[in-house]
C-alpha atoms as a PDB file:
ATOM      1  CA  MET A   1       6.732   6.411   7.178  1.00  0.00           C
ATOM      2  CA  GLN A   2       7.373   9.807   5.636  1.00  0.00           C
ATOM      3  CA  GLY A   3       6.532  10.853   2.090  1.00  0.00           C
ATOM      4  CA  ASP A   4      10.108  10.779   0.867  1.00  0.00           C
ATOM      5  CA  GLU A   5      10.488   7.171   2.035  1.00  0.00           C
ATOM      6  CA  MET A   6       7.253   6.176   0.304  1.00  0.00           C
ATOM      7  CA  LYS A   7       8.456   7.791  -2.915  1.00  0.00           C
ATOM      8  CA  ALA A   8      11.855   6.086  -2.691  1.00  0.00           C
ATOM      9  CA  LEU A   9      10.248   2.665  -2.127  1.00  0.00           C
ATOM     10  CA  ARG A  10       7.815   3.197  -5.002  1.00  0.00           C
ATOM     11  CA  LYS A  11      10.564   4.268  -7.387  1.00  0.00           C
ATOM     12  CA  ALA A  12      12.835   1.391  -6.332  1.00  0.00           C
ATOM     13  CA  ALA A  13       9.977  -0.975  -7.192  1.00  0.00           C
ATOM     14  CA  GLY A  14       9.662   0.670 -10.613  1.00  0.00           C
ATOM     15  CA  MET A  15       6.056   1.707 -10.006  1.00  0.00           C
ATOM     16  CA  SER A  16       4.244   4.879 -10.978  1.00  0.00           C
ATOM     17  CA  GLN A  17       2.053   6.695  -8.490  1.00  0.00           C
ATOM     18  CA  ALA A  18      -0.968   5.402 -10.399  1.00  0.00           C
ATOM     19  CA  GLU A  19       0.270   1.782 -10.211  1.00  0.00           C
ATOM     20  CA  LEU A  20       0.940   2.007  -6.482  1.00  0.00           C
ATOM     21  CA  GLY A  21      -2.415   3.659  -5.931  1.00  0.00           C
ATOM     22  CA  ALA A  22      -4.221   0.928  -7.852  1.00  0.00           C
ATOM     23  CA  ALA A  23      -2.405  -1.761  -5.872  1.00  0.00           C
ATOM     24  CA  ILE A  24      -3.466  -0.324  -2.513  1.00  0.00           C
ATOM     25  CA  GLY A  25      -6.850   1.128  -3.418  1.00  0.00           C
ATOM     26  CA  MET A  26      -5.954   4.816  -3.531  1.00  0.00           C
ATOM     27  CA  SER A  27      -5.859   7.433  -6.240  1.00  0.00           C
ATOM     28  CA  GLN A  28      -2.687   8.609  -7.956  1.00  0.00           C
ATOM     29  CA  LYS A  29      -3.489  12.097  -6.673  1.00  0.00           C
ATOM     30  CA  PHE A  30      -3.571  10.943  -3.059  1.00  0.00           C
ATOM     31  CA  ILE A  31      -0.319   8.992  -3.459  1.00  0.00           C
ATOM     32  CA  GLY A  32       1.278  12.210  -4.717  1.00  0.00           C
ATOM     33  CA  MET A  33      -0.141  14.168  -1.787  1.00  0.00           C
ATOM     34  CA  MET A  34       1.323  11.674   0.687  1.00  0.00           C
ATOM     35  CA  GLU A  35       4.714  11.679  -1.045  1.00  0.00           C
ATOM     36  CA  ARG A  36       4.833  15.493  -0.890  1.00  0.00           C
ATOM     37  CA  GLY A  37       3.780  15.527   2.755  1.00  0.00           C
ATOM     38  CA  ASP A  38       0.442  17.169   1.992  1.00  0.00           C
ATOM     39  CA  ALA A  39      -1.479  14.207   3.459  1.00  0.00           C
ATOM     40  CA  ALA A  40      -0.667  11.950   6.396  1.00  0.00           C
ATOM     41  CA  ILE A  41       0.366   8.347   5.767  1.00  0.00           C
ATOM     42  CA  GLU A  42      -1.626   6.124   8.104  1.00  0.00           C
ATOM     43  CA  LYS A  43      -0.096   2.955   9.539  1.00  0.00           C
ATOM     44  CA  ARG A  44      -2.389   0.711   7.496  1.00  0.00           C
ATOM     45  CA  THR A  45      -1.320   2.542   4.319  1.00  0.00           C
ATOM     46  CA  GLU A  46       2.348   2.178   5.247  1.00  0.00           C
ATOM     47  CA  LEU A  47       1.853  -1.559   5.751  1.00  0.00           C
ATOM     48  CA  ALA A  48       0.107  -1.920   2.401  1.00  0.00           C
ATOM     49  CA  VAL A  49       2.810   0.078   0.598  1.00  0.00           C
ATOM     50  CA  ARG A  50       5.624  -1.917   2.174  1.00  0.00           C
ATOM     51  CA  TYR A  51       3.937  -5.158   1.204  1.00  0.00           C
ATOM     52  CA  VAL A  52       3.268  -4.114  -2.389  1.00  0.00           C
ATOM     53  CA  VAL A  53       6.706  -2.711  -3.137  1.00  0.00           C
ATOM     54  CA  GLN A  54       8.654  -5.458  -1.392  1.00  0.00           C
ATOM     55  CA  ASP A  55       6.343  -8.352  -2.283  1.00  0.00           C
ATOM     56  CA  ASP A  56       7.656 -10.346   0.655  1.00  0.00           C
ATOM     57  CA  PRO A  57       5.332 -13.321   1.352  1.00  0.00           C
ATOM     58  CA  GLY A  58       6.292 -13.342   5.043  1.00  0.00           C
ATOM     59  CA  ARG A  59       5.298  -9.718   5.369  1.00  0.00           C
ATOM     60  CA  PHE A  60       1.898 -10.413   3.797  1.00  0.00           C
ATOM     61  CA  ALA A  61       0.628 -12.324   6.828  1.00  0.00           C
ATOM     62  CA  LYS A  62       1.873  -9.603   9.159  1.00  0.00           C
ATOM     63  CA  THR A  63       0.284  -6.922   6.986  1.00  0.00           C
ATOM     64  CA  VAL A  64      -3.092  -8.649   6.940  1.00  0.00           C
ATOM     65  CA  ALA A  65      -2.953  -9.359  10.679  1.00  0.00           C
ATOM     66  CA  GLU A  66      -2.136  -5.734  11.422  1.00  0.00           C
ATOM     67  CA  LEU A  67      -4.938  -4.496   9.165  1.00  0.00           C
ATOM     68  CA  VAL A  68      -7.457  -6.890  10.713  1.00  0.00           C
ATOM     69  CA  ARG A  69      -6.613  -5.695  14.217  1.00  0.00           C
ATOM     70  CA  ARG A  70      -7.289  -2.121  13.157  1.00  0.00           C
ATOM     71  CA  VAL A  71     -10.093  -2.688  10.657  1.00  0.00           C
ATOM     72  CA  ARG A  72     -12.739  -0.028  10.346  1.00  0.00           C
ATOM     73  CA  PRO A  73     -15.485   0.166   7.720  1.00  0.00           C
ATOM     74  CA  GLU A  74     -13.480   2.683   5.704  1.00  0.00           C
ATOM     75  CA  ASP A  75     -10.556   0.220   5.584  1.00  0.00           C
ATOM     76  CA  ILE A  76     -12.453  -2.377   3.553  1.00  0.00           C
ATOM     77  CA  PRO A  77     -11.556  -1.001   0.059  1.00  0.00           C
ATOM     78  CA  GLU A  78      -7.858  -0.920   0.952  1.00  0.00           C
ATOM     79  CA  ILE A  79      -7.945  -4.479   2.285  1.00  0.00           C
ATOM     80  CA  ARG A  80      -9.761  -5.676  -0.834  1.00  0.00           C
ATOM     81  CA  ALA A  81      -7.185  -4.007  -3.069  1.00  0.00           C
ATOM     82  CA  LEU A  82      -4.294  -5.534  -1.130  1.00  0.00           C
ATOM     83  CA  LEU A  83      -5.804  -9.030  -1.304  1.00  0.00           C
ATOM     84  CA  ALA A  84      -6.628  -8.664  -5.005  1.00  0.00           C
ATOM     85  CA  TYR A  85      -3.053  -7.577  -5.700  1.00  0.00           C
ATOM     86  CA  ARG A  86      -1.665 -10.593  -3.836  1.00  0.00           C
ATOM     87  CA  ILE A  87      -3.968 -13.010  -5.650  1.00  0.00           C
ATOM     88  CA  GLU A  88      -2.988 -11.480  -8.997  1.00  0.00           C
ATOM     89  CA  GLN A  89       0.723 -11.787  -8.158  1.00  0.00           C
ATOM     90  CA  GLU A  90       0.363 -15.424  -7.176  1.00  0.00           C
ATOM     91  CA  ALA A  91      -1.601 -16.222 -10.330  1.00  0.00           C
ATOM     92  CA  GLY A  92       1.316 -14.745 -12.183  1.00  0.00           C
END
């Protein structure tokens, strides 16, 4: 995923950088850096973004499975944020 695609997906979902950042456990500043191409977008971040903006239940299982296969200690906050977002969406 490139920054321009991330920005387009975020805007299509009607989310601000701050909202997307909160949903995936990142700061608004870092979301902006990735959208501008000033910071790399890791695969796990791409998966989280695609899940959050598309909110496709089928993709959720794939996203979690992919994250679990690649989990590192520094991934834990992002995984927590993704799960919290999903639980909040289901609680509606």
